[in-house]
């Protein structure tokens, strides 16, 4: 699955920022490819309002 950060991390809770960084997303427009498993889906669910997912 490809994950793209589409909204800023400014003003987000610390755990949401940490989750985005764990996925390799730091700036708006950053994209990363992650395996489609339960761990990744949980991380995406936590920051679903900040990212766009393409499976």
PDB file of N, CA and C in Angstrom:
ATOM      1  N   UNK A   1       0.835  -1.173   0.000  1.00  0.00           N
ATOM      2  CA  UNK A   1       0.000   0.000   0.000  1.00  0.00           C
ATOM      3  C   UNK A   1       0.882   1.239   0.000  1.00  0.00           C
ATOM      4  N   UNK A   2       0.456   2.253  -0.719  1.00  0.00           N
ATOM      5  CA  UNK A   2       1.178   3.518  -0.779  1.00  0.00           C
ATOM      6  C   UNK A   2       0.436   4.534   0.064  1.00  0.00           C
ATOM      7  N   UNK A   3       1.177   5.224   0.919  1.00  0.00           N
ATOM      8  CA  UNK A   3       0.588   6.192   1.843  1.00  0.00           C
ATOM      9  C   UNK A   3       1.205   7.557   1.554  1.00  0.00           C
ATOM     10  N   UNK A   4       0.351   8.584   1.444  1.00  0.00           N
ATOM     11  CA  UNK A   4       0.823   9.936   1.155  1.00  0.00           C
ATOM     12  C   UNK A   4       0.278  10.887   2.215  1.00  0.00           C
ATOM     13  N   UNK A   5       1.162  11.720   2.778  1.00  0.00           N
ATOM     14  CA  UNK A   5       0.756  12.712   3.769  1.00  0.00           C
ATOM     15  C   UNK A   5       0.165  13.909   3.032  1.00  0.00           C
ATOM     16  N   UNK A   6      -1.108  14.215   3.303  1.00  0.00           N
ATOM     17  CA  UNK A   6      -1.767  15.303   2.583  1.00  0.00           C
ATOM     18  C   UNK A   6      -2.108  16.495   3.469  1.00  0.00           C
ATOM     19  N   UNK A   7      -1.982  16.337   4.786  1.00  0.00           N
ATOM     20  CA  UNK A   7      -2.235  17.455   5.704  1.00  0.00           C
ATOM     21  C   UNK A   7      -1.057  17.608   6.645  1.00  0.00           C
ATOM     22  N   UNK A   8      -0.891  18.804   7.185  1.00  0.00           N
ATOM     23  CA  UNK A   8       0.239  19.126   8.040  1.00  0.00           C
ATOM     24  C   UNK A   8       0.143  18.433   9.393  1.00  0.00           C
ATOM     25  N   UNK A   9       1.298  18.170   9.969  1.00  0.00           N
ATOM     26  CA  UNK A   9       1.373  17.576  11.305  1.00  0.00           C
ATOM     27  C   UNK A   9       1.348  18.635  12.399  1.00  0.00           C
ATOM     28  N   UNK A  10       1.388  19.911  12.022  1.00  0.00           N
ATOM     29  CA  UNK A  10       1.368  20.992  13.009  1.00  0.00           C
ATOM     30  C   UNK A  10       0.027  20.976  13.743  1.00  0.00           C
ATOM     31  N   UNK A  11       0.085  20.995  15.048  1.00  0.00           N
ATOM     32  CA  UNK A  11      -1.120  21.003  15.864  1.00  0.00           C
ATOM     33  C   UNK A  11      -1.664  19.623  16.185  1.00  0.00           C
ATOM     34  N   UNK A  12      -1.041  18.585  15.661  1.00  0.00           N
ATOM     35  CA  UNK A  12      -1.480  17.220  15.944  1.00  0.00           C
ATOM     36  C   UNK A  12      -0.924  16.774  17.291  1.00  0.00           C
ATOM     37  N   UNK A  13      -1.545  15.751  17.847  1.00  0.00           N
ATOM     38  CA  UNK A  13      -1.064  15.187  19.102  1.00  0.00           C
ATOM     39  C   UNK A  13       0.278  14.494  18.870  1.00  0.00           C
ATOM     40  N   UNK A  14       1.065  14.404  19.931  1.00  0.00           N
ATOM     41  CA  UNK A  14       2.417  13.844  19.828  1.00  0.00           C
ATOM     42  C   UNK A  14       2.402  12.405  19.328  1.00  0.00           C
ATOM     43  N   UNK A  15       1.405  11.616  19.739  1.00  0.00           N
ATOM     44  CA  UNK A  15       1.366  10.220  19.284  1.00  0.00           C
ATOM     45  C   UNK A  15       1.032  10.116  17.808  1.00  0.00           C
ATOM     46  N   UNK A  16       0.254  11.055  17.283  1.00  0.00           N
ATOM     47  CA  UNK A  16      -0.052  11.054  15.849  1.00  0.00           C
ATOM     48  C   UNK A  16       1.182  11.443  15.041  1.00  0.00           C
ATOM     49  N   UNK A  17       1.939  12.400  15.529  1.00  0.00           N
ATOM     50  CA  UNK A  17       3.177  12.811  14.860  1.00  0.00           C
ATOM     51  C   UNK A  17       4.165  11.646  14.866  1.00  0.00           C
ATOM     52  N   UNK A  18       4.270  10.949  15.998  1.00  0.00           N
ATOM     53  CA  UNK A  18       5.176   9.807  16.104  1.00  0.00           C
ATOM     54  C   UNK A  18       4.759   8.694  15.144  1.00  0.00           C
ATOM     55  N   UNK A  19       3.465   8.486  14.982  1.00  0.00           N
ATOM     56  CA  UNK A  19       2.964   7.459  14.060  1.00  0.00           C
ATOM     57  C   UNK A  19       3.321   7.820  12.617  1.00  0.00           C
ATOM     58  N   UNK A  20       3.142   9.086  12.251  1.00  0.00           N
ATOM     59  CA  UNK A  20       3.497   9.526  10.898  1.00  0.00           C
ATOM     60  C   UNK A  20       4.991   9.341  10.653  1.00  0.00           C
ATOM     61  N   UNK A  21       5.808   9.696  11.622  1.00  0.00           N
ATOM     62  CA  UNK A  21       7.255   9.549  11.468  1.00  0.00           C
ATOM     63  C   UNK A  21       7.646   8.076  11.379  1.00  0.00           C
ATOM     64  N   UNK A  22       6.939   7.210  12.111  1.00  0.00           N
ATOM     65  CA  UNK A  22       7.209   5.773  12.058  1.00  0.00           C
ATOM     66  C   UNK A  22       6.916   5.211  10.665  1.00  0.00           C
ATOM     67  N   UNK A  23       5.962   5.822   9.976  1.00  0.00           N
ATOM     68  CA  UNK A  23       5.639   5.408   8.608  1.00  0.00           C
ATOM     69  C   UNK A  23       6.575   6.062   7.586  1.00  0.00           C
ATOM     70  N   UNK A  24       7.422   6.985   8.027  1.00  0.00           N
ATOM     71  CA  UNK A  24       8.357   7.645   7.117  1.00  0.00           C
ATOM     72  C   UNK A  24       7.790   8.904   6.497  1.00  0.00           C
ATOM     73  N   UNK A  25       6.783   9.496   7.129  1.00  0.00           N
ATOM     74  CA  UNK A  25       6.141  10.705   6.608  1.00  0.00           C
ATOM     75  C   UNK A  25       6.514  11.883   7.492  1.00  0.00           C
ATOM     76  N   UNK A  26       7.169  12.888   6.905  1.00  0.00           N
ATOM     77  CA  UNK A  26       7.602  14.036   7.693  1.00  0.00           C
ATOM     78  C   UNK A  26       7.020  15.346   7.166  1.00  0.00           C
ATOM     79  N   UNK A  27       6.924  15.484   5.843  1.00  0.00           N
ATOM     80  CA  UNK A  27       6.433  16.722   5.247  1.00  0.00           C
ATOM     81  C   UNK A  27       5.226  16.429   4.364  1.00  0.00           C
ATOM     82  N   UNK A  28       4.408  17.442   4.122  1.00  0.00           N
ATOM     83  CA  UNK A  28       3.269  17.294   3.222  1.00  0.00           C
ATOM     84  C   UNK A  28       3.783  16.873   1.854  1.00  0.00           C
ATOM     85  N   UNK A  29       3.133  15.870   1.278  1.00  0.00           N
ATOM     86  CA  UNK A  29       3.532  15.378  -0.028  1.00  0.00           C
ATOM     87  C   UNK A  29       4.438  14.163   0.030  1.00  0.00           C
ATOM     88  N   UNK A  30       4.964  13.846   1.202  1.00  0.00           N
ATOM     89  CA  UNK A  30       5.811  12.652   1.342  1.00  0.00           C
ATOM     90  C   UNK A  30       4.996  11.395   1.072  1.00  0.00           C
ATOM     91  N   UNK A  31       5.581  10.461   0.336  1.00  0.00           N
ATOM     92  CA  UNK A  31       4.938   9.184   0.032  1.00  0.00           C
ATOM     93  C   UNK A  31       5.824   8.047   0.524  1.00  0.00           C
ATOM     94  N   UNK A  32       5.201   6.958   0.911  1.00  0.00           N
ATOM     95  CA  UNK A  32       5.932   5.777   1.334  1.00  0.00           C
ATOM     96  C   UNK A  32       5.146   4.539   0.946  1.00  0.00           C
ATOM     97  N   UNK A  33       5.852   3.465   0.691  1.00  0.00           N
ATOM     98  CA  UNK A  33       5.224   2.183   0.393  1.00  0.00           C
ATOM     99  C   UNK A  33       5.440   1.267   1.586  1.00  0.00           C
ATOM    100  N   UNK A  34       4.353   0.753   2.120  1.00  0.00           N
ATOM    101  CA  UNK A  34       4.387  -0.103   3.297  1.00  0.00           C
ATOM    102  C   UNK A  34       3.676  -1.413   2.994  1.00  0.00           C
ATOM    103  N   UNK A  35       4.020  -2.480   3.707  1.00  0.00           N
ATOM    104  CA  UNK A  35       3.300  -3.749   3.519  1.00  0.00           C
ATOM    105  C   UNK A  35       1.863  -3.622   4.017  1.00  0.00           C
ATOM    106  N   UNK A  36       0.949  -4.327   3.364  1.00  0.00           N
ATOM    107  CA  UNK A  36      -0.469  -4.259   3.736  1.00  0.00           C
ATOM    108  C   UNK A  36      -0.739  -5.327   4.797  1.00  0.00           C
ATOM    109  N   UNK A  37      -0.451  -4.976   6.059  1.00  0.00           N
ATOM    110  CA  UNK A  37      -0.692  -5.913   7.155  1.00  0.00           C
ATOM    111  C   UNK A  37      -1.425  -5.196   8.289  1.00  0.00           C
ATOM    112  N   UNK A  38      -1.716  -5.921   9.354  1.00  0.00           N
ATOM    113  CA  UNK A  38      -2.505  -5.373  10.458  1.00  0.00           C
ATOM    114  C   UNK A  38      -1.806  -4.197  11.143  1.00  0.00           C
ATOM    115  N   UNK A  39      -0.483  -4.274  11.298  1.00  0.00           N
ATOM    116  CA  UNK A  39       0.251  -3.179  11.947  1.00  0.00           C
ATOM    117  C   UNK A  39       0.128  -1.883  11.157  1.00  0.00           C
ATOM    118  N   UNK A  40       0.355  -1.970   9.871  1.00  0.00           N
ATOM    119  CA  UNK A  40       0.293  -0.776   9.027  1.00  0.00           C
ATOM    120  C   UNK A  40      -1.126  -0.225   8.984  1.00  0.00           C
ATOM    121  N   UNK A  41      -2.114  -1.083   8.891  1.00  0.00           N
ATOM    122  CA  UNK A  41      -3.503  -0.628   8.861  1.00  0.00           C
ATOM    123  C   UNK A  41      -3.878   0.086  10.153  1.00  0.00           C
ATOM    124  N   UNK A  42      -3.361  -0.386  11.290  1.00  0.00           N
ATOM    125  CA  UNK A  42      -3.612   0.276  12.568  1.00  0.00           C
ATOM    126  C   UNK A  42      -2.995   1.657  12.622  1.00  0.00           C
ATOM    127  N   UNK A  43      -1.771   1.793  12.099  1.00  0.00           N
ATOM    128  CA  UNK A  43      -1.104   3.091  12.067  1.00  0.00           C
ATOM    129  C   UNK A  43      -1.867   4.063  11.171  1.00  0.00           C
ATOM    130  N   UNK A  44      -2.302   3.573  10.012  1.00  0.00           N
ATOM    131  CA  UNK A  44      -3.046   4.416   9.078  1.00  0.00           C
ATOM    132  C   UNK A  44      -4.375   4.837   9.696  1.00  0.00           C
ATOM    133  N   UNK A  45      -5.030   3.942  10.422  1.00  0.00           N
ATOM    134  CA  UNK A  45      -6.309   4.271  11.062  1.00  0.00           C
ATOM    135  C   UNK A  45      -6.132   5.399  12.074  1.00  0.00           C
ATOM    136  N   UNK A  46      -4.993   5.422  12.755  1.00  0.00           N
ATOM    137  CA  UNK A  46      -4.728   6.431  13.780  1.00  0.00           C
ATOM    138  C   UNK A  46      -4.574   7.825  13.164  1.00  0.00           C
ATOM    139  N   UNK A  47      -4.038   7.900  11.944  1.00  0.00           N
ATOM    140  CA  UNK A  47      -3.823   9.204  11.301  1.00  0.00           C
ATOM    141  C   UNK A  47      -4.585   9.291   9.974  1.00  0.00           C
ATOM    142  N   UNK A  48      -5.732   8.635   9.897  1.00  0.00           N
ATOM    143  CA  UNK A  48      -6.486   8.555   8.640  1.00  0.00           C
ATOM    144  C   UNK A  48      -6.912   9.928   8.112  1.00  0.00           C
ATOM    145  N   UNK A  49      -7.090  10.905   9.011  1.00  0.00           N
ATOM    146  CA  UNK A  49      -7.504  12.245   8.591  1.00  0.00           C
ATOM    147  C   UNK A  49      -6.349  13.047   7.995  1.00  0.00           C
ATOM    148  N   UNK A  50      -5.132  12.522   8.078  1.00  0.00           N
ATOM    149  CA  UNK A  50      -3.949  13.232   7.572  1.00  0.00           C
ATOM    150  C   UNK A  50      -3.379  12.611   6.302  1.00  0.00           C
ATOM    151  N   UNK A  51      -3.785  11.391   5.970  1.00  0.00           N
ATOM    152  CA  UNK A  51      -3.146  10.671   4.875  1.00  0.00           C
ATOM    153  C   UNK A  51      -4.151  10.224   3.819  1.00  0.00           C
ATOM    154  N   UNK A  52      -3.581   9.876   2.663  1.00  0.00           N
ATOM    155  CA  UNK A  52      -4.345   9.301   1.552  1.00  0.00           C
ATOM    156  C   UNK A  52      -3.685   7.957   1.235  1.00  0.00           C
ATOM    157  N   UNK A  53      -4.509   6.902   1.110  1.00  0.00           N
ATOM    158  CA  UNK A  53      -3.980   5.557   0.926  1.00  0.00           C
ATOM    159  C   UNK A  53      -4.401   5.016  -0.430  1.00  0.00           C
ATOM    160  N   UNK A  54      -3.429   4.432  -1.151  1.00  0.00           N
ATOM    161  CA  UNK A  54      -3.697   3.740  -2.406  1.00  0.00           C
ATOM    162  C   UNK A  54      -3.242   2.302  -2.202  1.00  0.00           C
ATOM    163  N   UNK A  55      -4.155   1.357  -2.369  1.00  0.00           N
ATOM    164  CA  UNK A  55      -3.798  -0.046  -2.136  1.00  0.00           C
ATOM    165  C   UNK A  55      -3.226  -0.701  -3.362  1.00  0.00           C
TER     166      UNK A  55
END
